[in-house]
Amino acid sequence: MSLSELRAKEVVNTLDGKRLGKVMDLEFDPHSGCVEALVVPGEFKVSHAIRGEKCGVVIPWQRICKIGENVILVQLDPEELENE
């Protein structure tokens, strides 16, 4: 599966049903080449926008339950999302 295919999929948290957005980036291990995490858009903060920073929520690969045709299901504690 390519990054462009992953970017077209909506990420949904199965613990609270919240839509987290679409994949905007990947994190991978440069030595093994394995994907370690997906990154979805985070909460918009004016302070980050002023500095030109992108906000993102990092979802560890182990938290992915299922990658379907149109959606990626993840399990994230809602409290984890508030701390990002």
PDB file of N, CA and C in Angstrom:
ATOM      1  N   MET A   1       0.848  -1.170   0.000  1.00  0.00           N
ATOM      2  CA  MET A   1       0.000   0.000   0.000  1.00  0.00           C
ATOM      3  C   MET A   1       0.898   1.238   0.000  1.00  0.00           C
ATOM      4  N   SER A   2       0.540   2.226  -0.776  1.00  0.00           N
ATOM      5  CA  SER A   2       1.352   3.438  -0.894  1.00  0.00           C
ATOM      6  C   SER A   2       0.862   4.514   0.075  1.00  0.00           C
ATOM      7  N   LEU A   3       1.709   5.515   0.294  1.00  0.00           N
ATOM      8  CA  LEU A   3       1.336   6.629   1.153  1.00  0.00           C
ATOM      9  C   LEU A   3       0.115   7.347   0.584  1.00  0.00           C
ATOM     10  N   SER A   4       0.053   7.504  -0.720  1.00  0.00           N
ATOM     11  CA  SER A   4      -1.101   8.196  -1.313  1.00  0.00           C
ATOM     12  C   SER A   4      -2.402   7.424  -1.054  1.00  0.00           C
ATOM     13  N   GLU A   5      -2.333   6.102  -1.009  1.00  0.00           N
ATOM     14  CA  GLU A   5      -3.525   5.313  -0.671  1.00  0.00           C
ATOM     15  C   GLU A   5      -3.899   5.493   0.802  1.00  0.00           C
ATOM     16  N   LEU A   6      -2.899   5.523   1.679  1.00  0.00           N
ATOM     17  CA  LEU A   6      -3.173   5.747   3.103  1.00  0.00           C
ATOM     18  C   LEU A   6      -3.741   7.141   3.344  1.00  0.00           C
ATOM     19  N   ARG A   7      -3.239   8.134   2.619  1.00  0.00           N
ATOM     20  CA  ARG A   7      -3.693   9.517   2.815  1.00  0.00           C
ATOM     21  C   ARG A   7      -5.147   9.715   2.429  1.00  0.00           C
ATOM     22  N   ALA A   8      -5.704   8.819   1.651  1.00  0.00           N
ATOM     23  CA  ALA A   8      -7.098   8.935   1.234  1.00  0.00           C
ATOM     24  C   ALA A   8      -8.057   8.346   2.270  1.00  0.00           C
ATOM     25  N   LYS A   9      -7.535   7.687   3.283  1.00  0.00           N
ATOM     26  CA  LYS A   9      -8.373   7.000   4.269  1.00  0.00           C
ATOM     27  C   LYS A   9      -8.600   7.858   5.518  1.00  0.00           C
ATOM     28  N   GLU A  10      -9.827   7.827   6.011  1.00  0.00           N
ATOM     29  CA  GLU A  10     -10.195   8.512   7.253  1.00  0.00           C
ATOM     30  C   GLU A  10      -9.736   7.657   8.433  1.00  0.00           C
ATOM     31  N   VAL A  11      -9.187   8.280   9.468  1.00  0.00           N
ATOM     32  CA  VAL A  11      -8.761   7.574  10.679  1.00  0.00           C
ATOM     33  C   VAL A  11      -9.833   7.790  11.751  1.00  0.00           C
ATOM     34  N   VAL A  12     -10.328   6.678  12.324  1.00  0.00           N
ATOM     35  CA  VAL A  12     -11.394   6.738  13.330  1.00  0.00           C
ATOM     36  C   VAL A  12     -10.932   6.005  14.583  1.00  0.00           C
ATOM     37  N   ASN A  13     -11.150   6.651  15.736  1.00  0.00           N
ATOM     38  CA  ASN A  13     -10.814   6.052  17.022  1.00  0.00           C
ATOM     39  C   ASN A  13     -11.984   5.172  17.469  1.00  0.00           C
ATOM     40  N   THR A  14     -11.744   3.887  17.653  1.00  0.00           N
ATOM     41  CA  THR A  14     -12.812   2.962  18.017  1.00  0.00           C
ATOM     42  C   THR A  14     -13.268   3.129  19.465  1.00  0.00           C
ATOM     43  N   LEU A  15     -12.468   3.766  20.303  1.00  0.00           N
ATOM     44  CA  LEU A  15     -12.842   3.909  21.713  1.00  0.00           C
ATOM     45  C   LEU A  15     -13.894   4.984  21.950  1.00  0.00           C
ATOM     46  N   ASP A  16     -13.910   6.018  21.106  1.00  0.00           N
ATOM     47  CA  ASP A  16     -14.927   7.062  21.284  1.00  0.00           C
ATOM     48  C   ASP A  16     -15.659   7.409  19.985  1.00  0.00           C
ATOM     49  N   GLY A  17     -15.299   6.755  18.878  1.00  0.00           N
ATOM     50  CA  GLY A  17     -15.969   6.995  17.599  1.00  0.00           C
ATOM     51  C   GLY A  17     -15.570   8.290  16.915  1.00  0.00           C
ATOM     52  N   LYS A  18     -14.589   8.988  17.444  1.00  0.00           N
ATOM     53  CA  LYS A  18     -14.176  10.280  16.895  1.00  0.00           C
ATOM     54  C   LYS A  18     -13.365  10.110  15.620  1.00  0.00           C
ATOM     55  N   ARG A  19     -13.697  10.926  14.629  1.00  0.00           N
ATOM     56  CA  ARG A  19     -12.910  10.973  13.399  1.00  0.00           C
ATOM     57  C   ARG A  19     -11.705  11.860  13.646  1.00  0.00           C
ATOM     58  N   LEU A  20     -10.522  11.331  13.395  1.00  0.00           N
ATOM     59  CA  LEU A  20      -9.289  12.053  13.666  1.00  0.00           C
ATOM     60  C   LEU A  20      -8.733  12.763  12.444  1.00  0.00           C
ATOM     61  N   GLY A  21      -9.289  12.490  11.287  1.00  0.00           N
ATOM     62  CA  GLY A  21      -8.803  13.099  10.056  1.00  0.00           C
ATOM     63  C   GLY A  21      -8.114  12.072   9.187  1.00  0.00           C
ATOM     64  N   LYS A  22      -7.528  12.550   8.113  1.00  0.00           N
ATOM     65  CA  LYS A  22      -6.838  11.667   7.174  1.00  0.00           C
ATOM     66  C   LYS A  22      -5.342  11.681   7.468  1.00  0.00           C
ATOM     67  N   VAL A  23      -4.685  10.610   7.095  1.00  0.00           N
ATOM     68  CA  VAL A  23      -3.241  10.477   7.314  1.00  0.00           C
ATOM     69  C   VAL A  23      -2.520  11.597   6.570  1.00  0.00           C
ATOM     70  N   MET A  24      -1.639  12.309   7.303  1.00  0.00           N
ATOM     71  CA  MET A  24      -0.882  13.372   6.644  1.00  0.00           C
ATOM     72  C   MET A  24       0.601  13.042   6.540  1.00  0.00           C
ATOM     73  N   ASP A  25       1.051  12.049   7.328  1.00  0.00           N
ATOM     74  CA  ASP A  25       2.464  11.698   7.278  1.00  0.00           C
ATOM     75  C   ASP A  25       2.673  10.330   7.917  1.00  0.00           C
ATOM     76  N   LEU A  26       3.863   9.785   7.737  1.00  0.00           N
ATOM     77  CA  LEU A  26       4.264   8.526   8.358  1.00  0.00           C
ATOM     78  C   LEU A  26       5.565   8.751   9.102  1.00  0.00           C
ATOM     79  N   GLU A  27       5.780   7.970  10.149  1.00  0.00           N
ATOM     80  CA  GLU A  27       7.089   7.916  10.796  1.00  0.00           C
ATOM     81  C   GLU A  27       7.598   6.499  10.591  1.00  0.00           C
ATOM     82  N   PHE A  28       8.878   6.382  10.263  1.00  0.00           N
ATOM     83  CA  PHE A  28       9.436   5.048  10.050  1.00  0.00           C
ATOM     84  C   PHE A  28      10.832   4.953  10.635  1.00  0.00           C
ATOM     85  N   ASP A  29      11.255   3.739  10.870  1.00  0.00           N
ATOM     86  CA  ASP A  29      12.593   3.458  11.387  1.00  0.00           C
ATOM     87  C   ASP A  29      13.557   3.501  10.208  1.00  0.00           C
ATOM     88  N   PRO A  30      14.527   4.404  10.226  1.00  0.00           N
ATOM     89  CA  PRO A  30      15.428   4.529   9.085  1.00  0.00           C
ATOM     90  C   PRO A  30      16.333   3.307   8.887  1.00  0.00           C
ATOM     91  N   HIS A  31      16.527   2.518   9.927  1.00  0.00           N
ATOM     92  CA  HIS A  31      17.393   1.343   9.810  1.00  0.00           C
ATOM     93  C   HIS A  31      16.660   0.146   9.220  1.00  0.00           C
ATOM     94  N   SER A  32      15.437  -0.083   9.682  1.00  0.00           N
ATOM     95  CA  SER A  32      14.686  -1.248   9.203  1.00  0.00           C
ATOM     96  C   SER A  32      13.762  -0.902   8.037  1.00  0.00           C
ATOM     97  N   GLY A  33      13.391   0.378   7.926  1.00  0.00           N
ATOM     98  CA  GLY A  33      12.452   0.785   6.891  1.00  0.00           C
ATOM     99  C   GLY A  33      11.005   0.503   7.254  1.00  0.00           C
ATOM    100  N   CYS A  34      10.765   0.023   8.474  1.00  0.00           N
ATOM    101  CA  CYS A  34       9.398  -0.306   8.906  1.00  0.00           C
ATOM    102  C   CYS A  34       8.667   0.945   9.379  1.00  0.00           C
ATOM    103  N   VAL A  35       7.375   1.016   9.052  1.00  0.00           N
ATOM    104  CA  VAL A  35       6.541   2.121   9.512  1.00  0.00           C
ATOM    105  C   VAL A  35       6.315   1.960  11.007  1.00  0.00           C
ATOM    106  N   GLU A  36       6.543   3.027  11.760  1.00  0.00           N
ATOM    107  CA  GLU A  36       6.358   2.995  13.212  1.00  0.00           C
ATOM    108  C   GLU A  36       5.100   3.715  13.663  1.00  0.00           C
ATOM    109  N   ALA A  37       4.620   4.698  12.866  1.00  0.00           N
ATOM    110  CA  ALA A  37       3.461   5.475  13.287  1.00  0.00           C
ATOM    111  C   ALA A  37       2.831   6.195  12.104  1.00  0.00           C
ATOM    112  N   LEU A  38       1.540   6.492  12.260  1.00  0.00           N
ATOM    113  CA  LEU A  38       0.827   7.367  11.344  1.00  0.00           C
ATOM    114  C   LEU A  38       0.677   8.714  12.025  1.00  0.00           C
ATOM    115  N   VAL A  39       0.626   9.778  11.245  1.00  0.00           N
ATOM    116  CA  VAL A  39       0.405  11.110  11.794  1.00  0.00           C
ATOM    117  C   VAL A  39      -0.847  11.675  11.147  1.00  0.00           C
ATOM    118  N   VAL A  40      -1.779  12.123  12.004  1.00  0.00           N
ATOM    119  CA  VAL A  40      -3.011  12.771  11.531  1.00  0.00           C
ATOM    120  C   VAL A  40      -3.012  14.206  12.041  1.00  0.00           C
ATOM    121  N   PRO A  41      -3.809  15.074  11.429  1.00  0.00           N
ATOM    122  CA  PRO A  41      -3.828  16.475  11.884  1.00  0.00           C
ATOM    123  C   PRO A  41      -4.222  16.577  13.353  1.00  0.00           C
ATOM    124  N   GLY A  42      -3.563  17.475  14.061  1.00  0.00           N
ATOM    125  CA  GLY A  42      -3.893  17.730  15.455  1.00  0.00           C
ATOM    126  C   GLY A  42      -4.809  18.921  15.565  1.00  0.00           C
ATOM    127  N   GLU A  43      -5.109  19.271  16.796  1.00  0.00           N
ATOM    128  CA  GLU A  43      -5.956  20.429  17.064  1.00  0.00           C
ATOM    129  C   GLU A  43      -5.243  21.694  16.592  1.00  0.00           C
ATOM    130  N   PHE A  44      -5.979  22.572  15.916  1.00  0.00           N
ATOM    131  CA  PHE A  44      -5.394  23.820  15.417  1.00  0.00           C
ATOM    132  C   PHE A  44      -5.118  24.754  16.586  1.00  0.00           C
ATOM    133  N   LYS A  45      -3.895  25.282  16.635  1.00  0.00           N
ATOM    134  CA  LYS A  45      -3.518  26.252  17.653  1.00  0.00           C
ATOM    135  C   LYS A  45      -2.899  27.451  16.958  1.00  0.00           C
ATOM    136  N   VAL A  46      -3.386  28.631  17.288  1.00  0.00           N
ATOM    137  CA  VAL A  46      -2.913  29.860  16.658  1.00  0.00           C
ATOM    138  C   VAL A  46      -1.414  30.039  16.876  1.00  0.00           C
ATOM    139  N   SER A  47      -0.933  29.707  18.069  1.00  0.00           N
ATOM    140  CA  SER A  47       0.496  29.890  18.357  1.00  0.00           C
ATOM    141  C   SER A  47       1.366  29.057  17.415  1.00  0.00           C
ATOM    142  N   HIS A  48       0.902  27.865  17.060  1.00  0.00           N
ATOM    143  CA  HIS A  48       1.663  27.030  16.123  1.00  0.00           C
ATOM    144  C   HIS A  48       1.598  27.610  14.712  1.00  0.00           C
ATOM    145  N   ALA A  49       0.430  28.122  14.337  1.00  0.00           N
ATOM    146  CA  ALA A  49       0.272  28.693  13.000  1.00  0.00           C
ATOM    147  C   ALA A  49       1.170  29.915  12.819  1.00  0.00           C
ATOM    148  N   ILE A  50       1.280  30.722  13.851  1.00  0.00           N
ATOM    149  CA  ILE A  50       2.124  31.926  13.777  1.00  0.00           C
ATOM    150  C   ILE A  50       3.587  31.550  13.554  1.00  0.00           C
ATOM    151  N   ARG A  51       4.029  30.468  14.203  1.00  0.00           N
ATOM    152  CA  ARG A  51       5.411  30.022  14.051  1.00  0.00           C
ATOM    153  C   ARG A  51       5.611  29.142  12.822  1.00  0.00           C
ATOM    154  N   GLY A  52       4.524  28.848  12.104  1.00  0.00           N
ATOM    155  CA  GLY A  52       4.623  28.013  10.911  1.00  0.00           C
ATOM    156  C   GLY A  52       4.771  26.541  11.211  1.00  0.00           C
ATOM    157  N   GLU A  53       4.412  26.124  12.427  1.00  0.00           N
ATOM    158  CA  GLU A  53       4.533  24.722  12.826  1.00  0.00           C
ATOM    159  C   GLU A  53       3.273  23.951  12.445  1.00  0.00           C
ATOM    160  N   LYS A  54       3.456  22.709  12.081  1.00  0.00           N
ATOM    161  CA  LYS A  54       2.325  21.822  11.816  1.00  0.00           C
ATOM    162  C   LYS A  54       2.035  21.029  13.081  1.00  0.00           C
ATOM    163  N   CYS A  55       0.768  20.900  13.407  1.00  0.00           N
ATOM    164  CA  CYS A  55       0.362  20.113  14.568  1.00  0.00           C
ATOM    165  C   CYS A  55      -0.096  18.752  14.075  1.00  0.00           C
ATOM    166  N   GLY A  56       0.327  17.724  14.754  1.00  0.00           N
ATOM    167  CA  GLY A  56      -0.099  16.395  14.363  1.00  0.00           C
ATOM    168  C   GLY A  56      -0.190  15.464  15.550  1.00  0.00           C
ATOM    169  N   VAL A  57      -1.068  14.485  15.434  1.00  0.00           N
ATOM    170  CA  VAL A  57      -1.212  13.444  16.441  1.00  0.00           C
ATOM    171  C   VAL A  57      -0.513  12.203  15.906  1.00  0.00           C
ATOM    172  N   VAL A  58       0.459  11.708  16.655  1.00  0.00           N
ATOM    173  CA  VAL A  58       1.221  10.529  16.256  1.00  0.00           C
ATOM    174  C   VAL A  58       0.507   9.293  16.799  1.00  0.00           C
ATOM    175  N   ILE A  59       0.162   8.380  15.906  1.00  0.00           N
ATOM    176  CA  ILE A  59      -0.525   7.145  16.284  1.00  0.00           C
ATOM    177  C   ILE A  59       0.437   5.983  16.071  1.00  0.00           C
ATOM    178  N   PRO A  60       0.925   5.388  17.161  1.00  0.00           N
ATOM    179  CA  PRO A  60       1.856   4.257  17.028  1.00  0.00           C
ATOM    180  C   PRO A  60       1.223   3.113  16.235  1.00  0.00           C
ATOM    181  N   TRP A  61       2.034   2.449  15.444  1.00  0.00           N
ATOM    182  CA  TRP A  61       1.558   1.364  14.582  1.00  0.00           C
ATOM    183  C   TRP A  61       0.824   0.286  15.387  1.00  0.00           C
ATOM    184  N   GLN A  62       1.244   0.055  16.622  1.00  0.00           N
ATOM    185  CA  GLN A  62       0.626  -0.972  17.461  1.00  0.00           C
ATOM    186  C   GLN A  62      -0.814  -0.618  17.834  1.00  0.00           C
ATOM    187  N   ARG A  63      -1.201   0.652  17.699  1.00  0.00           N
ATOM    188  CA  ARG A  63      -2.560   1.094  18.039  1.00  0.00           C
ATOM    189  C   ARG A  63      -3.534   0.971  16.873  1.00  0.00           C
ATOM    190  N   ILE A  64      -3.040   0.562  15.708  1.00  0.00           N
ATOM    191  CA  ILE A  64      -3.913   0.388  14.543  1.00  0.00           C
ATOM    192  C   ILE A  64      -4.589  -0.966  14.636  1.00  0.00           C
ATOM    193  N   CYS A  65      -5.922  -0.952  14.584  1.00  0.00           N
ATOM    194  CA  CYS A  65      -6.702  -2.195  14.678  1.00  0.00           C
ATOM    195  C   CYS A  65      -6.913  -2.814  13.307  1.00  0.00           C
ATOM    196  N   LYS A  66      -7.281  -1.975  12.341  1.00  0.00           N
ATOM    197  CA  LYS A  66      -7.648  -2.485  11.024  1.00  0.00           C
ATOM    198  C   LYS A  66      -7.494  -1.378   9.992  1.00  0.00           C
ATOM    199  N   ILE A  67      -6.947  -1.723   8.849  1.00  0.00           N
ATOM    200  CA  ILE A  67      -6.898  -0.810   7.710  1.00  0.00           C
ATOM    201  C   ILE A  67      -7.857  -1.356   6.679  1.00  0.00           C
ATOM    202  N   GLY A  68      -8.957  -0.633   6.484  1.00  0.00           N
ATOM    203  CA  GLY A  68      -9.980  -1.065   5.544  1.00  0.00           C
ATOM    204  C   GLY A  68      -9.860  -0.339   4.219  1.00  0.00           C
ATOM    205  N   GLU A  69     -10.858  -0.528   3.380  1.00  0.00           N
ATOM    206  CA  GLU A  69     -10.853   0.078   2.055  1.00  0.00           C
ATOM    207  C   GLU A  69     -10.947   1.599   2.129  1.00  0.00           C
ATOM    208  N   ASN A  70     -11.751   2.112   3.087  1.00  0.00           N
ATOM    209  CA  ASN A  70     -11.965   3.557   3.184  1.00  0.00           C
ATOM    210  C   ASN A  70     -11.581   4.166   4.520  1.00  0.00           C
ATOM    211  N   VAL A  71     -11.257   3.328   5.507  1.00  0.00           N
ATOM    212  CA  VAL A  71     -11.048   3.837   6.856  1.00  0.00           C
ATOM    213  C   VAL A  71      -9.933   3.060   7.554  1.00  0.00           C
ATOM    214  N   ILE A  72      -9.278   3.728   8.496  1.00  0.00           N
ATOM    215  CA  ILE A  72      -8.285   3.101   9.356  1.00  0.00           C
ATOM    216  C   ILE A  72      -8.822   3.196  10.781  1.00  0.00           C
ATOM    217  N   LEU A  73      -9.005   2.044  11.432  1.00  0.00           N
ATOM    218  CA  LEU A  73      -9.514   2.014  12.795  1.00  0.00           C
ATOM    219  C   LEU A  73      -8.345   1.926  13.767  1.00  0.00           C
ATOM    220  N   VAL A  74      -8.351   2.812  14.765  1.00  0.00           N
ATOM    221  CA  VAL A  74      -7.290   2.847  15.768  1.00  0.00           C
ATOM    222  C   VAL A  74      -7.911   2.828  17.160  1.00  0.00           C
ATOM    223  N   GLN A  75      -7.111   2.469  18.142  1.00  0.00           N
ATOM    224  CA  GLN A  75      -7.544   2.516  19.536  1.00  0.00           C
ATOM    225  C   GLN A  75      -6.639   3.467  20.293  1.00  0.00           C
ATOM    226  N   LEU A  76      -7.168   4.659  20.586  1.00  0.00           N
ATOM    227  CA  LEU A  76      -6.425   5.659  21.347  1.00  0.00           C
ATOM    228  C   LEU A  76      -7.301   6.141  22.484  1.00  0.00           C
ATOM    229  N   ASP A  77      -6.744   6.172  23.680  1.00  0.00           N
ATOM    230  CA  ASP A  77      -7.458   6.733  24.817  1.00  0.00           C
ATOM    231  C   ASP A  77      -7.695   8.206  24.538  1.00  0.00           C
ATOM    232  N   PRO A  78      -8.942   8.699  24.661  1.00  0.00           N
ATOM    233  CA  PRO A  78      -9.210  10.122  24.384  1.00  0.00           C
ATOM    234  C   PRO A  78      -8.327  11.071  25.188  1.00  0.00           C
ATOM    235  N   GLU A  79      -7.885  10.657  26.385  1.00  0.00           N
ATOM    236  CA  GLU A  79      -6.989  11.500  27.181  1.00  0.00           C
ATOM    237  C   GLU A  79      -5.637  11.673  26.509  1.00  0.00           C
ATOM    238  N   GLU A  80      -5.191  10.662  25.766  1.00  0.00           N
ATOM    239  CA  GLU A  80      -3.924  10.768  25.035  1.00  0.00           C
ATOM    240  C   GLU A  80      -4.007  11.861  23.979  1.00  0.00           C
ATOM    241  N   LEU A  81      -5.167  11.972  23.336  1.00  0.00           N
ATOM    242  CA  LEU A  81      -5.341  12.967  22.293  1.00  0.00           C
ATOM    243  C   LEU A  81      -5.314  14.376  22.853  1.00  0.00           C
ATOM    244  N   GLU A  82      -5.829  14.561  24.073  1.00  0.00           N
ATOM    245  CA  GLU A  82      -5.849  15.884  24.694  1.00  0.00           C
ATOM    246  C   GLU A  82      -4.452  16.362  25.031  1.00  0.00           C
ATOM    247  N   ASN A  83      -3.530  15.443  25.278  1.00  0.00           N
ATOM    248  CA  ASN A  83      -2.161  15.806  25.659  1.00  0.00           C
ATOM    249  C   ASN A  83      -1.275  16.125  24.480  1.00  0.00           C
ATOM    250  N   GLU A  84      -1.719  15.870  23.258  1.00  0.00           N
ATOM    251  CA  GLU A  84      -0.896  16.101  22.067  1.00  0.00           C
ATOM    252  C   GLU A  84      -0.765  17.586  21.795  1.00  0.00           C
TER     253      GLU A  84
END
